């Protein structure tokens, strides 16, 4: 329990420091008015608010292993529907990251147990773009490209959900974006697959997966 007690103590020190530096911080944080839904990876090295410099209340977050969007995942779909219909967000950002171990497992066919079933979705991305990956150098370059392709595919999946189709059909101004974060330099890169309609989602997806595209 020593480690957990240290976490609680660290929380106390953090709360006191924040209150001293910014007295209104917690009163502002009590209000949730985000304009962004962040769909990211569960990886502990990629905390959404911290890497984007946003305060509590500014980003609504859904995370899972390898930032996957599946049309039967009611957890993710519920977060999307609540963000769009209740919170009134204007942007959905799918953010992956280079060095994603879930993507690496899918790329190399590694097996870890139950999570293998979830990573089958990333393997589907791998298989759909087998030729492009085969034309990419082995090692980190191929891993990086699959990390990008996985984000690009998930952006398309978001755009194809009933949540987004209905939102756009009713004139809601919501744009879906695909970003990728580098663990090496802390920078986020835009994969240029932003879409505000089903037709635009299809077009930018086709451009992003064409031969020669990649490495934002």
C-alpha atoms as a PDB file:
ATOM      1  CA  UNK A   1       0.000   0.000   0.000  1.00  0.00           C
ATOM      2  CA  UNK A   2       3.018   2.313   0.275  1.00  0.00           C
ATOM      3  CA  UNK A   3       2.850   3.231  -3.393  1.00  0.00           C
ATOM      4  CA  UNK A   4      -0.856   4.033  -3.195  1.00  0.00           C
ATOM      5  CA  UNK A   5      -0.347   6.182  -0.117  1.00  0.00           C
ATOM      6  CA  UNK A   6       2.332   8.088  -2.009  1.00  0.00           C
ATOM      7  CA  UNK A   7      -0.121   8.698  -4.828  1.00  0.00           C
ATOM      8  CA  UNK A   8      -2.636  10.156  -2.383  1.00  0.00           C
ATOM      9  CA  UNK A   9       0.080  12.314  -0.848  1.00  0.00           C
ATOM     10  CA  UNK A  10       1.173  13.477  -4.291  1.00  0.00           C
ATOM     11  CA  UNK A  11      -2.438  14.362  -5.041  1.00  0.00           C
ATOM     12  CA  UNK A  12      -2.621  16.457  -1.853  1.00  0.00           C
ATOM     13  CA  UNK A  13       0.564  18.333  -2.757  1.00  0.00           C
ATOM     14  CA  UNK A  14      -0.640  18.863  -6.310  1.00  0.00           C
ATOM     15  CA  UNK A  15      -4.049  20.202  -5.200  1.00  0.00           C
ATOM     16  CA  UNK A  16      -2.420  22.612  -2.759  1.00  0.00           C
ATOM     17  CA  UNK A  17       0.082  23.819  -5.353  1.00  0.00           C
ATOM     18  CA  UNK A  18      -2.592  24.360  -8.002  1.00  0.00           C
ATOM     19  CA  UNK A  19      -4.849  26.198  -5.559  1.00  0.00           C
ATOM     20  CA  UNK A  20      -1.974  28.476  -4.578  1.00  0.00           C
ATOM     21  CA  UNK A  21      -0.949  29.181  -8.168  1.00  0.00           C
ATOM     22  CA  UNK A  22      -4.439  29.463  -9.653  1.00  0.00           C
ATOM     23  CA  UNK A  23      -7.124  30.029  -6.993  1.00  0.00           C
ATOM     24  CA  UNK A  24     -10.025  29.718  -9.467  1.00  0.00           C
ATOM     25  CA  UNK A  25      -8.791  26.435 -10.971  1.00  0.00           C
ATOM     26  CA  UNK A  26     -11.178  24.071  -9.198  1.00  0.00           C
ATOM     27  CA  UNK A  27     -14.228  26.303  -9.509  1.00  0.00           C
ATOM     28  CA  UNK A  28     -13.639  26.521 -13.260  1.00  0.00           C
ATOM     29  CA  UNK A  29     -12.926  22.788 -13.488  1.00  0.00           C
ATOM     30  CA  UNK A  30     -16.301  22.039 -11.900  1.00  0.00           C
ATOM     31  CA  UNK A  31     -17.942  23.143 -15.155  1.00  0.00           C
ATOM     32  CA  UNK A  32     -17.767  20.701 -18.071  1.00  0.00           C
ATOM     33  CA  UNK A  33     -17.995  22.578 -21.364  1.00  0.00           C
ATOM     34  CA  UNK A  34     -15.689  20.750 -23.750  1.00  0.00           C
ATOM     35  CA  UNK A  35     -15.590  21.450 -27.459  1.00  0.00           C
ATOM     36  CA  UNK A  36     -13.541  18.309 -28.151  1.00  0.00           C
ATOM     37  CA  UNK A  37     -14.077  14.571 -27.863  1.00  0.00           C
ATOM     38  CA  UNK A  38     -10.696  12.845 -27.724  1.00  0.00           C
ATOM     39  CA  UNK A  39     -10.553   9.181 -28.734  1.00  0.00           C
ATOM     40  CA  UNK A  40      -7.102   7.993 -27.774  1.00  0.00           C
ATOM     41  CA  UNK A  41      -5.009   5.061 -26.683  1.00  0.00           C
ATOM     42  CA  UNK A  42      -5.022   3.755 -23.110  1.00  0.00           C
ATOM     43  CA  UNK A  43      -1.209   3.979 -23.081  1.00  0.00           C
ATOM     44  CA  UNK A  44      -0.105   5.642 -19.835  1.00  0.00           C
ATOM     45  CA  UNK A  45       2.365   7.828 -21.748  1.00  0.00           C
ATOM     46  CA  UNK A  46      -0.360   9.638 -23.703  1.00  0.00           C
ATOM     47  CA  UNK A  47      -2.607  11.567 -21.264  1.00  0.00           C
ATOM     48  CA  UNK A  48      -4.929  13.705 -23.381  1.00  0.00           C
ATOM     49  CA  UNK A  49      -5.204  16.853 -21.239  1.00  0.00           C
ATOM     50  CA  UNK A  50      -1.519  16.972 -20.408  1.00  0.00           C
ATOM     51  CA  UNK A  51      -0.141  16.638 -23.933  1.00  0.00           C
ATOM     52  CA  UNK A  52      -2.643  19.158 -25.316  1.00  0.00           C
ATOM     53  CA  UNK A  53      -2.194  21.651 -22.486  1.00  0.00           C
ATOM     54  CA  UNK A  54      -5.919  21.693 -21.703  1.00  0.00           C
ATOM     55  CA  UNK A  55      -7.575  22.196 -18.335  1.00  0.00           C
ATOM     56  CA  UNK A  56     -10.135  19.838 -16.762  1.00  0.00           C
ATOM     57  CA  UNK A  57     -13.531  20.400 -18.374  1.00  0.00           C
ATOM     58  CA  UNK A  58     -12.087  21.250 -21.799  1.00  0.00           C
ATOM     59  CA  UNK A  59     -11.687  17.763 -23.300  1.00  0.00           C
ATOM     60  CA  UNK A  60     -14.124  14.857 -23.125  1.00  0.00           C
ATOM     61  CA  UNK A  61     -12.058  11.664 -23.316  1.00  0.00           C
ATOM     62  CA  UNK A  62     -12.567   8.073 -24.415  1.00  0.00           C
ATOM     63  CA  UNK A  63      -9.536   5.777 -24.426  1.00  0.00           C
ATOM     64  CA  UNK A  64      -8.961   2.135 -25.290  1.00  0.00           C
ATOM     65  CA  UNK A  65      -6.095  -0.089 -26.394  1.00  0.00           C
ATOM     66  CA  UNK A  66      -4.788   1.208 -29.755  1.00  0.00           C
ATOM     67  CA  UNK A  67      -7.479   3.927 -30.106  1.00  0.00           C
ATOM     68  CA  UNK A  68      -9.886   1.678 -32.004  1.00  0.00           C
ATOM     69  CA  UNK A  69     -13.434   2.629 -33.034  1.00  0.00           C
ATOM     70  CA  UNK A  70     -15.683  -0.404 -33.532  1.00  0.00           C
ATOM     71  CA  UNK A  71     -19.293  -0.083 -34.643  1.00  0.00           C
ATOM     72  CA  UNK A  72     -20.409  -2.605 -32.009  1.00  0.00           C
ATOM     73  CA  UNK A  73     -18.510  -0.991 -29.112  1.00  0.00           C
ATOM     74  CA  UNK A  74     -21.332   0.567 -27.092  1.00  0.00           C
ATOM     75  CA  UNK A  75     -18.854   2.156 -24.697  1.00  0.00           C
ATOM     76  CA  UNK A  76     -17.217   4.216 -27.444  1.00  0.00           C
ATOM     77  CA  UNK A  77     -20.495   4.903 -29.251  1.00  0.00           C
ATOM     78  CA  UNK A  78     -22.134   6.061 -26.018  1.00  0.00           C
ATOM     79  CA  UNK A  79     -19.260   8.462 -25.347  1.00  0.00           C
ATOM     80  CA  UNK A  80     -19.595   9.807 -28.894  1.00  0.00           C
ATOM     81  CA  UNK A  81     -23.354  10.206 -28.671  1.00  0.00           C
ATOM     82  CA  UNK A  82     -23.168  11.962 -25.295  1.00  0.00           C
ATOM     83  CA  UNK A  83     -20.384  14.251 -26.512  1.00  0.00           C
ATOM     84  CA  UNK A  84     -22.214  15.214 -29.685  1.00  0.00           C
ATOM     85  CA  UNK A  85     -25.837  15.362 -28.522  1.00  0.00           C
ATOM     86  CA  UNK A  86     -25.518  16.429 -24.886  1.00  0.00           C
ATOM     87  CA  UNK A  87     -22.222  18.274 -24.546  1.00  0.00           C
ATOM     88  CA  UNK A  88     -22.435  19.805 -28.011  1.00  0.00           C
ATOM     89  CA  UNK A  89     -18.803  19.251 -28.963  1.00  0.00           C
ATOM     90  CA  UNK A  90     -17.585  20.494 -32.366  1.00  0.00           C
ATOM     91  CA  UNK A  91     -14.518  18.286 -32.887  1.00  0.00           C
ATOM     92  CA  UNK A  92     -13.804  14.585 -32.551  1.00  0.00           C
ATOM     93  CA  UNK A  93     -10.090  13.836 -32.538  1.00  0.00           C
ATOM     94  CA  UNK A  94      -8.828  10.299 -33.007  1.00  0.00           C
ATOM     95  CA  UNK A  95      -5.264  10.454 -31.721  1.00  0.00           C
ATOM     96  CA  UNK A  96      -2.885   7.530 -31.968  1.00  0.00           C
ATOM     97  CA  UNK A  97       0.796   7.529 -31.175  1.00  0.00           C
ATOM     98  CA  UNK A  98       4.019   6.232 -32.600  1.00  0.00           C
ATOM     99  CA  UNK A  99       5.414   3.398 -30.524  1.00  0.00           C
ATOM    100  CA  UNK A 100       1.958   1.944 -29.812  1.00  0.00           C
ATOM    101  CA  UNK A 101       2.487  -1.544 -28.425  1.00  0.00           C
ATOM    102  CA  UNK A 102      -0.999  -2.659 -29.464  1.00  0.00           C
ATOM    103  CA  UNK A 103      -0.206  -1.748 -33.049  1.00  0.00           C
ATOM    104  CA  UNK A 104       3.142  -3.523 -32.814  1.00  0.00           C
ATOM    105  CA  UNK A 105       1.439  -6.672 -31.534  1.00  0.00           C
ATOM    106  CA  UNK A 106      -0.952  -6.582 -34.506  1.00  0.00           C
ATOM    107  CA  UNK A 107       1.874  -5.908 -36.949  1.00  0.00           C
ATOM    108  CA  UNK A 108       4.003  -8.805 -35.714  1.00  0.00           C
ATOM    109  CA  UNK A 109       1.226 -11.233 -34.804  1.00  0.00           C
ATOM    110  CA  UNK A 110       2.177 -11.283 -31.126  1.00  0.00           C
ATOM    111  CA  UNK A 111      -0.205 -13.017 -28.729  1.00  0.00           C
ATOM    112  CA  UNK A 112      -1.041 -11.829 -25.200  1.00  0.00           C
ATOM    113  CA  UNK A 113      -4.407 -13.409 -24.403  1.00  0.00           C
ATOM    114  CA  UNK A 114      -7.845 -11.814 -24.293  1.00  0.00           C
ATOM    115  CA  UNK A 115      -6.597  -8.534 -25.750  1.00  0.00           C
ATOM    116  CA  UNK A 116      -5.748 -10.402 -28.969  1.00  0.00           C
ATOM    117  CA  UNK A 117      -9.470 -10.363 -29.796  1.00  0.00           C
ATOM    118  CA  UNK A 118      -9.536  -6.568 -29.552  1.00  0.00           C
ATOM    119  CA  UNK A 119      -6.337  -6.172 -31.557  1.00  0.00           C
ATOM    120  CA  UNK A 120      -7.902  -8.220 -34.342  1.00  0.00           C
ATOM    121  CA  UNK A 121      -9.362  -4.878 -35.448  1.00  0.00           C
ATOM    122  CA  UNK A 122      -5.851  -3.474 -35.913  1.00  0.00           C
ATOM    123  CA  UNK A 123      -4.847  -6.663 -37.710  1.00  0.00           C
ATOM    124  CA  UNK A 124      -7.713  -5.945 -40.111  1.00  0.00           C
ATOM    125  CA  UNK A 125      -6.099  -2.563 -40.818  1.00  0.00           C
ATOM    126  CA  UNK A 126      -2.753  -4.315 -41.317  1.00  0.00           C
ATOM    127  CA  UNK A 127      -4.273  -6.799 -43.757  1.00  0.00           C
ATOM    128  CA  UNK A 128      -6.197  -4.133 -45.685  1.00  0.00           C
ATOM    129  CA  UNK A 129      -2.963  -2.261 -46.337  1.00  0.00           C
ATOM    130  CA  UNK A 130      -0.617  -5.222 -46.659  1.00  0.00           C
ATOM    131  CA  UNK A 131       0.848  -4.063 -49.969  1.00  0.00           C
ATOM    132  CA  UNK A 132       1.613  -0.556 -48.709  1.00  0.00           C
ATOM    133  CA  UNK A 133       3.199  -1.936 -45.549  1.00  0.00           C
ATOM    134  CA  UNK A 134       5.238  -4.433 -47.530  1.00  0.00           C
ATOM    135  CA  UNK A 135       6.641  -1.529 -49.553  1.00  0.00           C
ATOM    136  CA  UNK A 136       7.708   0.216 -46.336  1.00  0.00           C
ATOM    137  CA  UNK A 137      11.071  -0.593 -44.782  1.00  0.00           C
ATOM    138  CA  UNK A 138      11.046  -3.192 -42.034  1.00  0.00           C
ATOM    139  CA  UNK A 139      11.350  -2.120 -38.437  1.00  0.00           C
ATOM    140  CA  UNK A 140      10.302   1.210 -36.972  1.00  0.00           C
ATOM    141  CA  UNK A 141       9.246   2.747 -40.297  1.00  0.00           C
ATOM    142  CA  UNK A 142       6.687   0.006 -40.907  1.00  0.00           C
ATOM    143  CA  UNK A 143       5.495   0.188 -37.316  1.00  0.00           C
ATOM    144  CA  UNK A 144       5.093   3.964 -37.612  1.00  0.00           C
ATOM    145  CA  UNK A 145       3.119   3.616 -40.834  1.00  0.00           C
ATOM    146  CA  UNK A 146       0.701   1.138 -39.317  1.00  0.00           C
ATOM    147  CA  UNK A 147       0.210   3.504 -36.370  1.00  0.00           C
ATOM    148  CA  UNK A 148      -0.765   6.192 -38.911  1.00  0.00           C
ATOM    149  CA  UNK A 149      -2.953   3.883 -40.973  1.00  0.00           C
ATOM    150  CA  UNK A 150      -4.755   2.735 -37.852  1.00  0.00           C
ATOM    151  CA  UNK A 151      -5.681   6.327 -36.982  1.00  0.00           C
ATOM    152  CA  UNK A 152      -6.763   7.002 -40.571  1.00  0.00           C
ATOM    153  CA  UNK A 153      -9.042   3.946 -40.569  1.00  0.00           C
ATOM    154  CA  UNK A 154     -10.555   4.852 -37.193  1.00  0.00           C
ATOM    155  CA  UNK A 155     -11.400   8.340 -38.434  1.00  0.00           C
ATOM    156  CA  UNK A 156     -13.336   6.718 -41.259  1.00  0.00           C
ATOM    157  CA  UNK A 157     -15.049   4.412 -38.760  1.00  0.00           C
ATOM    158  CA  UNK A 158     -16.115   7.393 -36.636  1.00  0.00           C
ATOM    159  CA  UNK A 159     -17.524   9.058 -39.745  1.00  0.00           C
ATOM    160  CA  UNK A 160     -19.510   5.938 -40.604  1.00  0.00           C
ATOM    161  CA  UNK A 161     -21.192   5.529 -37.210  1.00  0.00           C
ATOM    162  CA  UNK A 162     -24.904   6.195 -36.819  1.00  0.00           C
ATOM    163  CA  UNK A 163     -23.969   8.911 -34.313  1.00  0.00           C
ATOM    164  CA  UNK A 164     -22.110  10.954 -36.909  1.00  0.00           C
ATOM    165  CA  UNK A 165     -24.399  10.160 -39.823  1.00  0.00           C
ATOM    166  CA  UNK A 166     -27.388  11.428 -37.839  1.00  0.00           C
ATOM    167  CA  UNK A 167     -25.504  14.455 -36.522  1.00  0.00           C
ATOM    168  CA  UNK A 168     -24.459  15.514 -40.009  1.00  0.00           C
ATOM    169  CA  UNK A 169     -27.907  14.769 -41.438  1.00  0.00           C
ATOM    170  CA  UNK A 170     -29.348  17.195 -38.881  1.00  0.00           C
ATOM    171  CA  UNK A 171     -26.843  19.901 -39.772  1.00  0.00           C
ATOM    172  CA  UNK A 172     -24.603  19.577 -36.744  1.00  0.00           C
ATOM    173  CA  UNK A 173     -21.206  21.238 -37.230  1.00  0.00           C
ATOM    174  CA  UNK A 174     -18.902  18.482 -36.053  1.00  0.00           C
ATOM    175  CA  UNK A 175     -15.553  17.708 -37.667  1.00  0.00           C
ATOM    176  CA  UNK A 176     -13.623  14.467 -37.246  1.00  0.00           C
ATOM    177  CA  UNK A 177      -9.823  14.652 -37.208  1.00  0.00           C
ATOM    178  CA  UNK A 178      -6.916  12.199 -37.173  1.00  0.00           C
ATOM    179  CA  UNK A 179      -3.784  13.102 -35.215  1.00  0.00           C
ATOM    180  CA  UNK A 180      -0.719  11.184 -34.078  1.00  0.00           C
ATOM    181  CA  UNK A 181       1.553  11.843 -31.105  1.00  0.00           C
ATOM    182  CA  UNK A 182       5.274  11.191 -30.910  1.00  0.00           C
ATOM    183  CA  UNK A 183       6.684   9.839 -27.669  1.00  0.00           C
ATOM    184  CA  UNK A 184      10.123  11.017 -28.799  1.00  0.00           C
ATOM    185  CA  UNK A 185       9.488  14.741 -28.973  1.00  0.00           C
ATOM    186  CA  UNK A 186       6.041  15.256 -27.431  1.00  0.00           C
ATOM    187  CA  UNK A 187       4.632  16.728 -30.638  1.00  0.00           C
ATOM    188  CA  UNK A 188       1.235  16.016 -32.167  1.00  0.00           C
ATOM    189  CA  UNK A 189       1.032  15.790 -35.954  1.00  0.00           C
ATOM    190  CA  UNK A 190      -2.084  16.255 -38.079  1.00  0.00           C
ATOM    191  CA  UNK A 191      -2.614  13.343 -40.479  1.00  0.00           C
ATOM    192  CA  UNK A 192      -4.788  15.586 -42.681  1.00  0.00           C
ATOM    193  CA  UNK A 193      -7.898  13.438 -42.683  1.00  0.00           C
ATOM    194  CA  UNK A 194     -10.323  15.970 -41.197  1.00  0.00           C
ATOM    195  CA  UNK A 195     -13.900  15.496 -42.379  1.00  0.00           C
ATOM    196  CA  UNK A 196     -17.185  17.329 -41.843  1.00  0.00           C
ATOM    197  CA  UNK A 197     -19.369  15.081 -44.006  1.00  0.00           C
ATOM    198  CA  UNK A 198     -19.531  11.439 -45.153  1.00  0.00           C
ATOM    199  CA  UNK A 199     -18.334  12.353 -48.661  1.00  0.00           C
ATOM    200  CA  UNK A 200     -15.376  14.299 -47.318  1.00  0.00           C
ATOM    201  CA  UNK A 201     -14.472  11.420 -44.985  1.00  0.00           C
ATOM    202  CA  UNK A 202     -14.325   9.020 -47.923  1.00  0.00           C
ATOM    203  CA  UNK A 203     -12.245  11.424 -50.015  1.00  0.00           C
ATOM    204  CA  UNK A 204      -9.617  12.274 -47.393  1.00  0.00           C
ATOM    205  CA  UNK A 205      -9.329   8.614 -46.428  1.00  0.00           C
ATOM    206  CA  UNK A 206      -8.530   7.642 -50.022  1.00  0.00           C
ATOM    207  CA  UNK A 207      -5.886  10.367 -50.256  1.00  0.00           C
ATOM    208  CA  UNK A 208      -4.274   9.424 -46.948  1.00  0.00           C
ATOM    209  CA  UNK A 209      -3.818   5.739 -47.762  1.00  0.00           C
ATOM    210  CA  UNK A 210      -2.529   6.192 -51.304  1.00  0.00           C
ATOM    211  CA  UNK A 211       0.996   4.942 -52.089  1.00  0.00           C
ATOM    212  CA  UNK A 212       3.627   7.416 -50.983  1.00  0.00           C
ATOM    213  CA  UNK A 213       1.495   9.054 -48.301  1.00  0.00           C
ATOM    214  CA  UNK A 214       2.583   8.899 -44.695  1.00  0.00           C
ATOM    215  CA  UNK A 215       4.835  10.362 -42.022  1.00  0.00           C
ATOM    216  CA  UNK A 216       2.952  13.563 -41.285  1.00  0.00           C
END
